[in-house]
């Protein structure tokens, strides 16, 4: 079984930076990452051709505008397998987006913060964190939740 790597971004400039590094990717990973531009406000249209779900989804620097939080969480939910994980590199960019992101994420995912001492010292920054998000087995944004009977 081979490893298929897919880099996702919603910003054209991010796509161009990642796409410009194929030799480095080949040398480090043994293969080149395939790239796609995904706009969170169109997840159903754009995630389907990518053949989800995946075992691992990596997301960094994706929470910065409040209006995109709902589509972002829905997209992450759609892209990751039920027993998969989202690895999230995170830094607060907007207090409003930050609050909404964690409120919505807690409905869909079990969230674990990776302790800074477990991160590589060259990449562990005081202002940034890494989280592991695992899908909850029940609920989620794409599932209809029935309130419990009294």
Protein backbone atom coordinates (compact mmCIF):
# COMPACT_ATOMS: atom_id res chain seq x y z
CA UNK A 1 0.00 0.00 0.00
CA UNK A 2 1.43 3.37 -1.03
CA UNK A 3 1.28 6.67 0.74
CA UNK A 4 -0.66 9.36 -1.08
CA UNK A 5 0.13 12.90 0.00
CA UNK A 6 -2.13 15.83 -0.74
CA UNK A 7 -1.43 19.44 0.18
CA UNK A 8 -4.51 21.65 0.59
CA UNK A 9 -4.77 25.41 0.78
CA UNK A 10 -7.50 27.99 0.31
CA UNK A 11 -5.01 30.68 -0.70
CA UNK A 12 -3.51 30.85 -4.16
CA UNK A 13 -0.24 32.30 -2.79
CA UNK A 14 0.09 29.33 -0.39
CA UNK A 15 -0.47 26.94 -3.27
CA UNK A 16 2.23 28.63 -5.34
CA UNK A 17 4.78 28.43 -2.47
CA UNK A 18 4.18 24.74 -1.87
CA UNK A 19 4.05 23.90 -5.57
CA UNK A 20 7.44 25.59 -6.07
CA UNK A 21 9.23 23.04 -3.83
CA UNK A 22 8.86 19.68 -5.67
CA UNK A 23 12.58 18.79 -5.52
CA UNK A 24 12.72 19.33 -1.75
CA UNK A 25 9.54 17.26 -1.27
CA UNK A 26 10.94 14.46 -3.43
CA UNK A 27 14.23 14.40 -1.51
CA UNK A 28 12.63 14.38 1.96
CA UNK A 29 9.49 12.33 1.36
CA UNK A 30 10.50 10.13 -1.52
CA UNK A 31 7.60 11.49 -3.56
CA UNK A 32 6.10 14.78 -4.60
CA UNK A 33 3.05 16.13 -2.80
CA UNK A 34 -0.01 16.60 -4.97
CA UNK A 35 -1.67 19.98 -4.45
CA UNK A 36 -5.16 21.39 -4.69
CA UNK A 37 -6.77 24.73 -3.92
CA UNK A 38 -9.83 24.17 -1.75
CA UNK A 39 -12.15 27.03 -0.87
CA UNK A 40 -13.81 26.18 2.45
CA UNK A 41 -17.09 27.81 1.35
CA UNK A 42 -17.48 25.15 -1.37
CA UNK A 43 -16.44 21.94 0.42
CA UNK A 44 -18.89 19.57 -1.24
CA UNK A 45 -17.94 20.76 -4.71
CA UNK A 46 -14.20 20.72 -4.16
CA UNK A 47 -13.46 17.90 -1.72
CA UNK A 48 -15.22 15.15 -3.71
CA UNK A 49 -12.69 15.06 -6.61
CA UNK A 50 -9.91 14.63 -4.05
CA UNK A 51 -11.24 11.12 -3.21
CA UNK A 52 -11.71 11.55 0.54
CA UNK A 53 -11.74 10.41 3.25
CA UNK A 54 -8.10 10.31 4.36
CA UNK A 55 -6.34 8.74 7.35
CA UNK A 56 -4.49 11.98 8.09
CA UNK A 57 -5.35 15.56 7.19
CA UNK A 58 -2.75 18.24 7.95
CA UNK A 59 -3.96 21.81 8.39
CA UNK A 60 -1.86 24.81 9.37
CA UNK A 61 -2.67 28.49 9.62
CA UNK A 62 -6.27 27.96 8.47
CA UNK A 63 -8.27 29.78 11.19
CA UNK A 64 -8.17 33.50 10.51
CA UNK A 65 -11.60 34.73 9.32
CA UNK A 66 -14.77 34.11 11.31
CA UNK A 67 -16.93 33.64 8.17
CA UNK A 68 -14.84 30.69 6.99
CA UNK A 69 -14.82 28.73 10.25
CA UNK A 70 -18.03 26.73 9.64
CA UNK A 71 -17.05 25.65 6.13
CA UNK A 72 -13.51 24.85 7.33
CA UNK A 73 -14.70 22.54 10.12
CA UNK A 74 -17.16 20.87 7.73
CA UNK A 75 -14.38 20.38 5.17
CA UNK A 76 -12.04 18.84 7.76
CA UNK A 77 -14.87 16.55 8.87
CA UNK A 78 -15.53 15.47 5.27
CA UNK A 79 -11.85 14.89 4.44
CA UNK A 80 -10.86 12.72 7.43
CA UNK A 81 -11.88 9.08 7.92
CA UNK A 82 -13.96 8.18 10.95
CA UNK A 83 -10.87 6.69 12.58
CA UNK A 84 -8.46 9.24 11.06
CA UNK A 85 -6.88 12.35 12.51
CA UNK A 86 -6.49 16.01 11.67
CA UNK A 87 -3.10 17.40 12.65
CA UNK A 88 -3.60 21.10 13.22
CA UNK A 89 -0.83 23.69 13.45
CA UNK A 90 -2.56 26.59 15.17
CA UNK A 91 -1.96 30.19 16.15
CA UNK A 92 -4.61 32.73 17.16
CA UNK A 93 -5.13 35.16 14.29
CA UNK A 94 -8.59 36.47 15.14
CA UNK A 95 -10.18 36.22 18.61
CA UNK A 96 -13.67 35.85 17.08
CA UNK A 97 -12.60 33.13 14.63
CA UNK A 98 -10.63 31.43 17.42
CA UNK A 99 -13.63 31.17 19.73
CA UNK A 100 -16.01 30.00 16.99
CA UNK A 101 -13.51 27.45 15.63
CA UNK A 102 -13.08 25.70 18.97
CA UNK A 103 -16.82 25.78 19.73
CA UNK A 104 -17.61 24.14 16.37
CA UNK A 105 -14.66 21.75 16.48
CA UNK A 106 -15.67 20.40 19.90
CA UNK A 107 -19.01 19.30 18.39
CA UNK A 108 -17.24 17.17 15.79
CA UNK A 109 -13.84 16.23 17.17
CA UNK A 110 -12.09 14.99 20.29
CA UNK A 111 -9.24 17.46 20.70
CA UNK A 112 -5.79 16.81 22.15
CA UNK A 113 -3.09 19.46 22.45
CA UNK A 114 0.42 18.18 21.80
CA UNK A 115 2.70 19.34 24.64
CA UNK A 116 5.43 21.74 23.46
CA UNK A 117 8.11 19.45 24.92
CA UNK A 118 6.97 16.73 22.49
CA UNK A 119 7.55 18.99 19.46
CA UNK A 120 10.85 19.24 17.63
CA UNK A 121 12.76 22.16 19.19
CA UNK A 122 13.46 23.74 15.78
CA UNK A 123 9.72 24.01 15.08
CA UNK A 124 8.17 24.59 18.51
CA UNK A 125 7.16 28.23 18.82
CA UNK A 126 5.75 29.80 21.96
CA UNK A 127 2.85 31.43 20.06
CA UNK A 128 1.88 28.34 18.02
CA UNK A 129 0.41 25.01 19.07
CA UNK A 130 -0.19 21.61 17.51
CA UNK A 131 -3.44 19.73 18.05
CA UNK A 132 -4.63 16.24 17.15
CA UNK A 133 -8.33 16.14 16.27
CA UNK A 134 -10.17 12.81 16.12
CA UNK A 135 -13.75 12.46 14.93
CA UNK A 136 -16.37 11.82 17.56
CA UNK A 137 -18.35 8.71 16.76
CA UNK A 138 -21.71 10.42 17.18
CA UNK A 139 -22.87 13.88 16.19
CA UNK A 140 -20.86 16.21 14.04
CA UNK A 141 -21.84 19.09 11.81
CA UNK A 142 -22.96 16.90 8.92
CA UNK A 143 -25.11 14.64 11.11
CA UNK A 144 -28.55 15.51 12.36
CA UNK A 145 -28.51 15.48 16.13
CA UNK A 146 -31.72 14.40 17.81
CA UNK A 147 -32.20 15.88 21.26
CA UNK A 148 -32.57 13.28 24.03
CA UNK A 149 -36.12 12.54 25.17
CA UNK A 150 -37.04 13.77 28.63
